[in-house]
Amino acid sequence: MSVADEPERPGSASRTSSGPGRLLVALYAIFAVAATSRAAVQIVTRFDEAPVAYLLSALAGVVYIVAVVGLTRPSAAGRRVALIACSAELVGVVTVGVLSIVDEGLFPDEAVWSDFGRGYFFLPLVLPVLGLFWLRRSAREPAPATAGSAPGR
């Protein structure tokens, strides 16, 4: 087992999928299913209408899946994967959001991230910010004490 795959030790960062992190994981899972399913249908049925938008929606779905995997792994590697996924999502939604406003012809149909996620009530813009905040906050929280461990030892 490599160092990156080691589980977190007592006293290290707490699990990212506990407490409020559970809601975050649930939201990412819902978005993973929604974005991936929508993109799959659009790619199969009308890819020629807006290939860039549909491929970006598929990419968003993959990023959401990776975020779910990272957020549910109680290890340093899981935390890094989640950090990379949330960061990539934030860059993607801001970039695609700006491009979709500047050049409306670039996206003849909406992508998950177009107009900063307007079609999804702007949650694609809010989710990575919440994800990055949660990763930072949960890294500062002390891990729960294990049974049988005495304080101060």
N, C-alpha and C. Protein backbone atom coordinates (compact mmCIF):
# COMPACT_ATOMS: atom_id res chain seq x y z
N MET A 1 0.85 -1.17 0.00
CA MET A 1 0.00 0.00 0.00
C MET A 1 0.90 1.23 0.00
N SER A 2 0.60 2.19 -0.87
CA SER A 2 1.40 3.40 -0.94
C SER A 2 0.95 4.39 0.14
N VAL A 3 1.77 5.38 0.37
CA VAL A 3 1.47 6.40 1.37
C VAL A 3 0.17 7.12 1.02
N ALA A 4 -0.06 7.37 -0.27
CA ALA A 4 -1.25 8.09 -0.71
C ALA A 4 -2.53 7.32 -0.43
N ASP A 5 -2.44 5.98 -0.33
CA ASP A 5 -3.62 5.15 -0.12
C ASP A 5 -3.87 4.84 1.34
N GLU A 6 -2.99 5.31 2.23
CA GLU A 6 -3.16 5.01 3.64
C GLU A 6 -4.39 5.72 4.19
N PRO A 7 -5.14 5.03 5.08
CA PRO A 7 -6.26 5.72 5.71
C PRO A 7 -5.75 6.80 6.65
N GLU A 8 -6.59 7.76 6.93
CA GLU A 8 -6.18 8.82 7.84
C GLU A 8 -5.99 8.26 9.24
N ARG A 9 -5.03 8.77 9.94
CA ARG A 9 -4.74 8.34 11.30
C ARG A 9 -5.51 9.21 12.28
N PRO A 10 -5.73 8.70 13.52
CA PRO A 10 -6.37 9.54 14.53
C PRO A 10 -5.57 10.83 14.70
N GLY A 11 -6.29 11.94 14.83
CA GLY A 11 -5.64 13.23 14.95
C GLY A 11 -5.45 13.93 13.62
N SER A 12 -5.61 13.19 12.50
CA SER A 12 -5.52 13.83 11.19
C SER A 12 -6.89 14.34 10.80
N ALA A 13 -7.02 14.78 9.59
CA ALA A 13 -8.29 15.36 9.13
C ALA A 13 -9.43 14.36 9.26
N SER A 14 -10.60 14.88 9.57
CA SER A 14 -11.76 14.02 9.70
C SER A 14 -12.29 13.62 8.34
N ARG A 15 -13.22 12.71 8.34
CA ARG A 15 -13.81 12.26 7.08
C ARG A 15 -14.56 13.38 6.40
N THR A 16 -14.42 13.44 5.09
CA THR A 16 -15.10 14.49 4.34
C THR A 16 -16.55 14.12 4.08
N SER A 17 -16.92 12.86 4.27
CA SER A 17 -18.30 12.44 3.97
C SER A 17 -19.15 12.32 5.23
N SER A 18 -18.71 12.90 6.32
CA SER A 18 -19.51 12.85 7.55
C SER A 18 -20.12 14.23 7.81
N GLY A 19 -21.11 14.27 8.66
CA GLY A 19 -21.77 15.54 9.00
C GLY A 19 -22.32 16.22 7.77
N PRO A 20 -22.08 17.54 7.62
CA PRO A 20 -22.57 18.27 6.45
C PRO A 20 -22.00 17.74 5.14
N GLY A 21 -20.88 17.06 5.22
CA GLY A 21 -20.29 16.46 4.03
C GLY A 21 -21.20 15.43 3.38
N ARG A 22 -22.08 14.82 4.17
CA ARG A 22 -23.03 13.86 3.60
C ARG A 22 -23.98 14.54 2.62
N LEU A 23 -24.45 15.72 2.97
CA LEU A 23 -25.33 16.47 2.07
C LEU A 23 -24.58 16.85 0.80
N LEU A 24 -23.33 17.26 0.96
CA LEU A 24 -22.50 17.61 -0.18
C LEU A 24 -22.31 16.41 -1.11
N VAL A 25 -22.01 15.26 -0.53
CA VAL A 25 -21.85 14.03 -1.33
C VAL A 25 -23.16 13.70 -2.04
N ALA A 26 -24.29 13.83 -1.34
CA ALA A 26 -25.59 13.53 -1.95
C ALA A 26 -25.86 14.47 -3.13
N LEU A 27 -25.57 15.76 -2.96
CA LEU A 27 -25.78 16.71 -4.06
C LEU A 27 -24.88 16.38 -5.25
N TYR A 28 -23.62 16.06 -4.98
CA TYR A 28 -22.72 15.69 -6.07
C TYR A 28 -23.19 14.41 -6.75
N ALA A 29 -23.70 13.46 -6.00
CA ALA A 29 -24.19 12.22 -6.59
C ALA A 29 -25.40 12.49 -7.49
N ILE A 30 -26.31 13.34 -7.03
CA ILE A 30 -27.47 13.69 -7.84
C ILE A 30 -27.03 14.38 -9.13
N PHE A 31 -26.09 15.29 -9.01
CA PHE A 31 -25.60 15.98 -10.21
C PHE A 31 -24.84 15.03 -11.12
N ALA A 32 -24.14 14.07 -10.55
CA ALA A 32 -23.43 13.09 -11.38
C ALA A 32 -24.41 12.31 -12.24
N VAL A 33 -25.48 11.85 -11.62
CA VAL A 33 -26.50 11.09 -12.37
C VAL A 33 -27.20 12.00 -13.38
N ALA A 34 -27.59 13.20 -12.95
CA ALA A 34 -28.33 14.11 -13.83
C ALA A 34 -27.49 14.52 -15.04
N ALA A 35 -26.27 14.98 -14.81
CA ALA A 35 -25.43 15.47 -15.91
C ALA A 35 -25.03 14.34 -16.85
N THR A 36 -24.66 13.20 -16.28
CA THR A 36 -24.23 12.08 -17.11
C THR A 36 -25.40 11.55 -17.94
N SER A 37 -26.56 11.41 -17.33
CA SER A 37 -27.73 10.90 -18.05
C SER A 37 -28.16 11.86 -19.15
N ARG A 38 -28.24 13.13 -18.80
CA ARG A 38 -28.64 14.14 -19.79
C ARG A 38 -27.67 14.15 -20.97
N ALA A 39 -26.38 14.15 -20.69
CA ALA A 39 -25.38 14.18 -21.75
C ALA A 39 -25.45 12.92 -22.61
N ALA A 40 -25.64 11.78 -21.97
CA ALA A 40 -25.72 10.52 -22.74
C ALA A 40 -26.88 10.55 -23.71
N VAL A 41 -28.04 10.99 -23.25
CA VAL A 41 -29.22 11.07 -24.13
C VAL A 41 -28.97 12.07 -25.25
N GLN A 42 -28.43 13.24 -24.93
CA GLN A 42 -28.19 14.26 -25.94
C GLN A 42 -27.14 13.81 -26.96
N ILE A 43 -26.10 13.15 -26.51
CA ILE A 43 -25.05 12.69 -27.42
C ILE A 43 -25.59 11.61 -28.35
N VAL A 44 -26.40 10.72 -27.82
CA VAL A 44 -26.94 9.62 -28.63
C VAL A 44 -28.02 10.11 -29.60
N THR A 45 -28.87 11.04 -29.16
CA THR A 45 -30.02 11.41 -29.98
C THR A 45 -29.81 12.62 -30.89
N ARG A 46 -28.97 13.59 -30.49
CA ARG A 46 -28.82 14.80 -31.32
C ARG A 46 -27.46 15.46 -31.19
N PHE A 47 -26.43 14.66 -31.23
CA PHE A 47 -25.07 15.14 -31.06
C PHE A 47 -24.72 16.25 -32.05
N ASP A 48 -25.21 16.14 -33.29
CA ASP A 48 -24.85 17.11 -34.32
C ASP A 48 -25.42 18.51 -34.08
N GLU A 49 -26.40 18.66 -33.19
CA GLU A 49 -27.00 19.96 -32.92
C GLU A 49 -26.10 20.86 -32.07
N ALA A 50 -25.42 20.30 -31.08
CA ALA A 50 -24.58 21.10 -30.18
C ALA A 50 -23.51 20.21 -29.55
N PRO A 51 -22.57 19.73 -30.35
CA PRO A 51 -21.58 18.78 -29.81
C PRO A 51 -20.76 19.33 -28.65
N VAL A 52 -20.38 20.60 -28.72
CA VAL A 52 -19.56 21.17 -27.64
C VAL A 52 -20.34 21.18 -26.33
N ALA A 53 -21.57 21.62 -26.37
CA ALA A 53 -22.39 21.68 -25.15
C ALA A 53 -22.61 20.29 -24.57
N TYR A 54 -22.89 19.32 -25.41
CA TYR A 54 -23.18 17.98 -24.92
C TYR A 54 -21.93 17.30 -24.37
N LEU A 55 -20.79 17.53 -25.01
CA LEU A 55 -19.54 16.97 -24.50
C LEU A 55 -19.13 17.64 -23.19
N LEU A 56 -19.39 18.93 -23.07
CA LEU A 56 -19.10 19.62 -21.80
C LEU A 56 -20.01 19.12 -20.68
N SER A 57 -21.25 18.81 -21.00
CA SER A 57 -22.15 18.23 -20.00
C SER A 57 -21.65 16.85 -19.57
N ALA A 58 -21.14 16.08 -20.52
CA ALA A 58 -20.58 14.77 -20.19
C ALA A 58 -19.34 14.94 -19.30
N LEU A 59 -18.50 15.92 -19.63
CA LEU A 59 -17.33 16.20 -18.81
C LEU A 59 -17.75 16.60 -17.40
N ALA A 60 -18.78 17.43 -17.29
CA ALA A 60 -19.28 17.83 -15.97
C ALA A 60 -19.72 16.61 -15.18
N GLY A 61 -20.42 15.68 -15.85
CA GLY A 61 -20.85 14.45 -15.19
C GLY A 61 -19.68 13.65 -14.65
N VAL A 62 -18.63 13.55 -15.44
CA VAL A 62 -17.43 12.82 -15.01
C VAL A 62 -16.78 13.52 -13.82
N VAL A 63 -16.71 14.84 -13.86
CA VAL A 63 -16.13 15.60 -12.75
C VAL A 63 -16.95 15.37 -11.48
N TYR A 64 -18.28 15.35 -11.60
CA TYR A 64 -19.12 15.10 -10.43
C TYR A 64 -18.89 13.69 -9.88
N ILE A 65 -18.74 12.72 -10.75
CA ILE A 65 -18.47 11.34 -10.31
C ILE A 65 -17.15 11.28 -9.56
N VAL A 66 -16.13 11.92 -10.11
CA VAL A 66 -14.81 11.94 -9.46
C VAL A 66 -14.90 12.64 -8.10
N ALA A 67 -15.67 13.72 -8.02
CA ALA A 67 -15.84 14.42 -6.75
C ALA A 67 -16.51 13.52 -5.71
N VAL A 68 -17.52 12.76 -6.12
CA VAL A 68 -18.19 11.84 -5.19
C VAL A 68 -17.20 10.81 -4.68
N VAL A 69 -16.42 10.25 -5.58
CA VAL A 69 -15.43 9.24 -5.17
C VAL A 69 -14.43 9.85 -4.19
N GLY A 70 -13.92 11.02 -4.51
CA GLY A 70 -12.94 11.66 -3.63
C GLY A 70 -13.53 12.01 -2.27
N LEU A 71 -14.74 12.55 -2.26
CA LEU A 71 -15.36 12.96 -1.00
C LEU A 71 -15.73 11.78 -0.10
N THR A 72 -15.93 10.63 -0.68
CA THR A 72 -16.31 9.47 0.13
C THR A 72 -15.13 8.63 0.59
N ARG A 73 -13.93 8.94 0.17
CA ARG A 73 -12.74 8.21 0.58
C ARG A 73 -12.10 8.89 1.79
N PRO A 74 -11.99 8.18 2.92
CA PRO A 74 -11.40 8.77 4.12
C PRO A 74 -9.87 8.67 4.13
N SER A 75 -9.25 9.18 3.08
CA SER A 75 -7.80 9.10 2.98
C SER A 75 -7.26 10.39 2.40
N ALA A 76 -5.96 10.54 2.50
CA ALA A 76 -5.31 11.72 1.93
C ALA A 76 -5.50 11.73 0.41
N ALA A 77 -5.43 10.58 -0.21
CA ALA A 77 -5.62 10.49 -1.66
C ALA A 77 -7.05 10.89 -2.04
N GLY A 78 -8.03 10.45 -1.26
CA GLY A 78 -9.41 10.83 -1.52
C GLY A 78 -9.60 12.33 -1.41
N ARG A 79 -8.99 12.91 -0.41
CA ARG A 79 -9.07 14.37 -0.22
C ARG A 79 -8.45 15.09 -1.41
N ARG A 80 -7.31 14.61 -1.91
CA ARG A 80 -6.66 15.24 -3.06
C ARG A 80 -7.54 15.12 -4.31
N VAL A 81 -8.13 13.94 -4.51
CA VAL A 81 -9.01 13.73 -5.67
C VAL A 81 -10.19 14.70 -5.60
N ALA A 82 -10.80 14.83 -4.43
CA ALA A 82 -11.93 15.75 -4.25
C ALA A 82 -11.50 17.19 -4.49
N LEU A 83 -10.33 17.56 -3.99
CA LEU A 83 -9.82 18.91 -4.17
C LEU A 83 -9.61 19.21 -5.66
N ILE A 84 -9.04 18.27 -6.38
CA ILE A 84 -8.80 18.45 -7.82
C ILE A 84 -10.14 18.54 -8.56
N ALA A 85 -11.08 17.67 -8.21
CA ALA A 85 -12.39 17.67 -8.89
C ALA A 85 -13.15 18.96 -8.63
N CYS A 86 -13.19 19.40 -7.39
CA CYS A 86 -13.91 20.65 -7.06
C CYS A 86 -13.24 21.85 -7.73
N SER A 87 -11.92 21.86 -7.75
CA SER A 87 -11.20 22.96 -8.40
C SER A 87 -11.45 22.97 -9.90
N ALA A 88 -11.40 21.78 -10.52
CA ALA A 88 -11.66 21.67 -11.96
C ALA A 88 -13.09 22.09 -12.28
N GLU A 89 -14.02 21.72 -11.42
CA GLU A 89 -15.41 22.11 -11.63
C GLU A 89 -15.56 23.63 -11.55
N LEU A 90 -14.94 24.25 -10.58
CA LEU A 90 -15.04 25.70 -10.43
C LEU A 90 -14.46 26.41 -11.65
N VAL A 91 -13.29 25.97 -12.09
CA VAL A 91 -12.67 26.56 -13.28
C VAL A 91 -13.58 26.33 -14.50
N GLY A 92 -14.12 25.12 -14.62
CA GLY A 92 -14.98 24.80 -15.76
C GLY A 92 -16.25 25.61 -15.79
N VAL A 93 -16.93 25.72 -14.66
CA VAL A 93 -18.20 26.45 -14.65
C VAL A 93 -17.99 27.95 -14.85
N VAL A 94 -16.90 28.50 -14.34
CA VAL A 94 -16.63 29.92 -14.55
C VAL A 94 -16.23 30.16 -16.01
N THR A 95 -15.36 29.32 -16.55
CA THR A 95 -14.93 29.47 -17.94
C THR A 95 -16.09 29.31 -18.91
N VAL A 96 -16.84 28.23 -18.77
CA VAL A 96 -17.98 27.98 -19.66
C VAL A 96 -19.06 29.04 -19.44
N GLY A 97 -19.25 29.45 -18.20
CA GLY A 97 -20.23 30.50 -17.92
C GLY A 97 -19.90 31.79 -18.64
N VAL A 98 -18.65 32.21 -18.56
CA VAL A 98 -18.22 33.44 -19.24
C VAL A 98 -18.35 33.27 -20.75
N LEU A 99 -17.85 32.15 -21.29
CA LEU A 99 -17.91 31.93 -22.74
C LEU A 99 -19.35 31.89 -23.25
N SER A 100 -20.25 31.30 -22.48
CA SER A 100 -21.64 31.19 -22.93
C SER A 100 -22.34 32.54 -22.94
N ILE A 101 -21.85 33.48 -22.15
CA ILE A 101 -22.43 34.83 -22.15
C ILE A 101 -21.77 35.69 -23.24
N VAL A 102 -20.45 35.57 -23.38
CA VAL A 102 -19.72 36.37 -24.35
C VAL A 102 -20.06 35.96 -25.79
N ASP A 103 -20.15 34.65 -26.05
CA ASP A 103 -20.43 34.15 -27.41
C ASP A 103 -21.57 33.15 -27.34
N GLU A 104 -22.78 33.65 -27.42
CA GLU A 104 -23.98 32.80 -27.30
C GLU A 104 -24.03 31.73 -28.40
N GLY A 105 -23.44 31.98 -29.54
CA GLY A 105 -23.45 31.01 -30.64
C GLY A 105 -22.58 29.79 -30.37
N LEU A 106 -21.68 29.90 -29.41
CA LEU A 106 -20.80 28.79 -29.09
C LEU A 106 -21.57 27.60 -28.51
N PHE A 107 -22.68 27.90 -27.82
CA PHE A 107 -23.50 26.87 -27.20
C PHE A 107 -24.95 27.00 -27.69
N PRO A 108 -25.27 26.38 -28.84
CA PRO A 108 -26.64 26.47 -29.35
C PRO A 108 -27.66 25.80 -28.41
N ASP A 109 -27.19 24.91 -27.56
CA ASP A 109 -28.03 24.29 -26.55
C ASP A 109 -27.26 24.40 -25.23
N GLU A 110 -27.97 24.40 -24.13
CA GLU A 110 -27.31 24.57 -22.83
C GLU A 110 -26.47 23.37 -22.44
N ALA A 111 -25.34 23.66 -21.82
CA ALA A 111 -24.54 22.65 -21.14
C ALA A 111 -24.82 22.81 -19.65
N VAL A 112 -24.42 21.86 -18.86
CA VAL A 112 -24.64 21.95 -17.42
C VAL A 112 -24.01 23.22 -16.86
N TRP A 113 -22.85 23.58 -17.36
CA TRP A 113 -22.12 24.73 -16.83
C TRP A 113 -22.42 26.03 -17.55
N SER A 114 -23.18 26.02 -18.66
CA SER A 114 -23.41 27.27 -19.39
C SER A 114 -24.24 28.24 -18.54
N ASP A 115 -23.97 29.52 -18.76
CA ASP A 115 -24.60 30.58 -17.98
C ASP A 115 -24.43 30.35 -16.48
N PHE A 116 -23.27 29.81 -16.10
CA PHE A 116 -22.91 29.54 -14.71
C PHE A 116 -23.88 28.55 -14.04
N GLY A 117 -24.44 27.64 -14.82
CA GLY A 117 -25.34 26.64 -14.27
C GLY A 117 -26.76 27.13 -14.07
N ARG A 118 -27.15 28.14 -14.83
CA ARG A 118 -28.49 28.72 -14.67
C ARG A 118 -29.59 27.66 -14.80
N GLY A 119 -29.43 26.72 -15.72
CA GLY A 119 -30.43 25.67 -15.91
C GLY A 119 -30.58 24.74 -14.72
N TYR A 120 -29.62 24.79 -13.80
CA TYR A 120 -29.64 23.97 -12.59
C TYR A 120 -29.66 24.88 -11.35
N PHE A 121 -30.29 26.03 -11.48
CA PHE A 121 -30.44 26.98 -10.37
C PHE A 121 -29.09 27.43 -9.79
N PHE A 122 -28.08 27.52 -10.65
CA PHE A 122 -26.73 27.98 -10.29
C PHE A 122 -26.01 27.06 -9.30
N LEU A 123 -26.56 25.89 -9.06
CA LEU A 123 -25.87 24.94 -8.16
C LEU A 123 -24.51 24.51 -8.70
N PRO A 124 -24.32 24.37 -10.03
CA PRO A 124 -22.97 24.04 -10.50
C PRO A 124 -21.92 25.09 -10.13
N LEU A 125 -22.34 26.32 -9.90
CA LEU A 125 -21.41 27.36 -9.46
C LEU A 125 -21.20 27.32 -7.96
N VAL A 126 -22.24 26.99 -7.23
CA VAL A 126 -22.18 26.98 -5.77
C VAL A 126 -21.51 25.70 -5.25
N LEU A 127 -21.78 24.57 -5.88
CA LEU A 127 -21.25 23.28 -5.38
C LEU A 127 -19.73 23.25 -5.22
N PRO A 128 -18.95 23.67 -6.21
CA PRO A 128 -17.50 23.58 -5.99
C PRO A 128 -17.01 24.51 -4.89
N VAL A 129 -17.66 25.65 -4.73
CA VAL A 129 -17.28 26.57 -3.65
C VAL A 129 -17.56 25.89 -2.31
N LEU A 130 -18.75 25.29 -2.19
CA LEU A 130 -19.07 24.55 -0.96
C LEU A 130 -18.12 23.38 -0.75
N GLY A 131 -17.82 22.67 -1.84
CA GLY A 131 -16.90 21.53 -1.75
C GLY A 131 -15.52 21.94 -1.27
N LEU A 132 -14.99 23.01 -1.84
CA LEU A 132 -13.66 23.48 -1.42
C LEU A 132 -13.69 23.99 0.02
N PHE A 133 -14.77 24.68 0.39
CA PHE A 133 -14.93 25.14 1.77
C PHE A 133 -14.97 23.95 2.72
N TRP A 134 -15.75 22.92 2.37
CA TRP A 134 -15.88 21.75 3.24
C TRP A 134 -14.56 20.99 3.36
N LEU A 135 -13.84 20.87 2.26
CA LEU A 135 -12.54 20.19 2.31
C LEU A 135 -11.59 20.94 3.24
N ARG A 136 -11.62 22.25 3.16
CA ARG A 136 -10.75 23.05 4.04
C ARG A 136 -11.19 22.95 5.50
N ARG A 137 -12.49 23.07 5.72
CA ARG A 137 -13.01 23.03 7.08
C ARG A 137 -12.81 21.65 7.72
N SER A 138 -13.10 20.60 6.97
CA SER A 138 -12.98 19.26 7.55
C SER A 138 -11.52 18.87 7.79
N ALA A 139 -10.60 19.51 7.10
CA ALA A 139 -9.18 19.24 7.34
C ALA A 139 -8.73 19.82 8.67
N ARG A 140 -9.42 20.87 9.13
CA ARG A 140 -9.06 21.52 10.40
C ARG A 140 -9.69 20.85 11.61
N GLU A 141 -10.79 20.13 11.39
CA GLU A 141 -11.49 19.51 12.51
C GLU A 141 -10.69 18.32 13.02
N PRO A 142 -10.60 18.16 14.32
CA PRO A 142 -9.91 16.98 14.84
C PRO A 142 -10.73 15.73 14.56
N ALA A 143 -10.04 14.64 14.30
CA ALA A 143 -10.73 13.37 14.07
C ALA A 143 -11.39 12.93 15.35
N PRO A 144 -12.54 12.25 15.27
CA PRO A 144 -13.21 11.78 16.48
C PRO A 144 -12.30 10.81 17.23
N ALA A 145 -12.35 10.86 18.53
CA ALA A 145 -11.54 9.96 19.35
C ALA A 145 -12.02 8.54 19.15
N THR A 146 -11.08 7.61 19.13
CA THR A 146 -11.45 6.20 18.97
C THR A 146 -11.74 5.60 20.34
N ALA A 147 -12.56 4.58 20.36
CA ALA A 147 -12.91 3.93 21.62
C ALA A 147 -11.66 3.37 22.28
N GLY A 148 -11.54 3.59 23.55
CA GLY A 148 -10.42 3.03 24.31
C GLY A 148 -9.19 3.91 24.34
N SER A 149 -9.24 5.02 23.64
CA SER A 149 -8.08 5.90 23.69
C SER A 149 -8.27 6.91 24.80
N ALA A 150 -7.25 7.11 25.57
CA ALA A 150 -7.32 8.03 26.69
C ALA A 150 -6.83 9.39 26.24
N PRO A 151 -7.50 10.44 26.68
CA PRO A 151 -7.03 11.77 26.32
C PRO A 151 -5.66 12.07 26.93
N GLY A 152 -4.85 12.80 26.19
CA GLY A 152 -3.56 13.20 26.71
C GLY A 152 -2.49 12.14 26.61
N ARG A 153 -2.76 11.02 26.04
CA ARG A 153 -1.72 9.99 25.90
C ARG A 153 -1.22 9.90 24.53
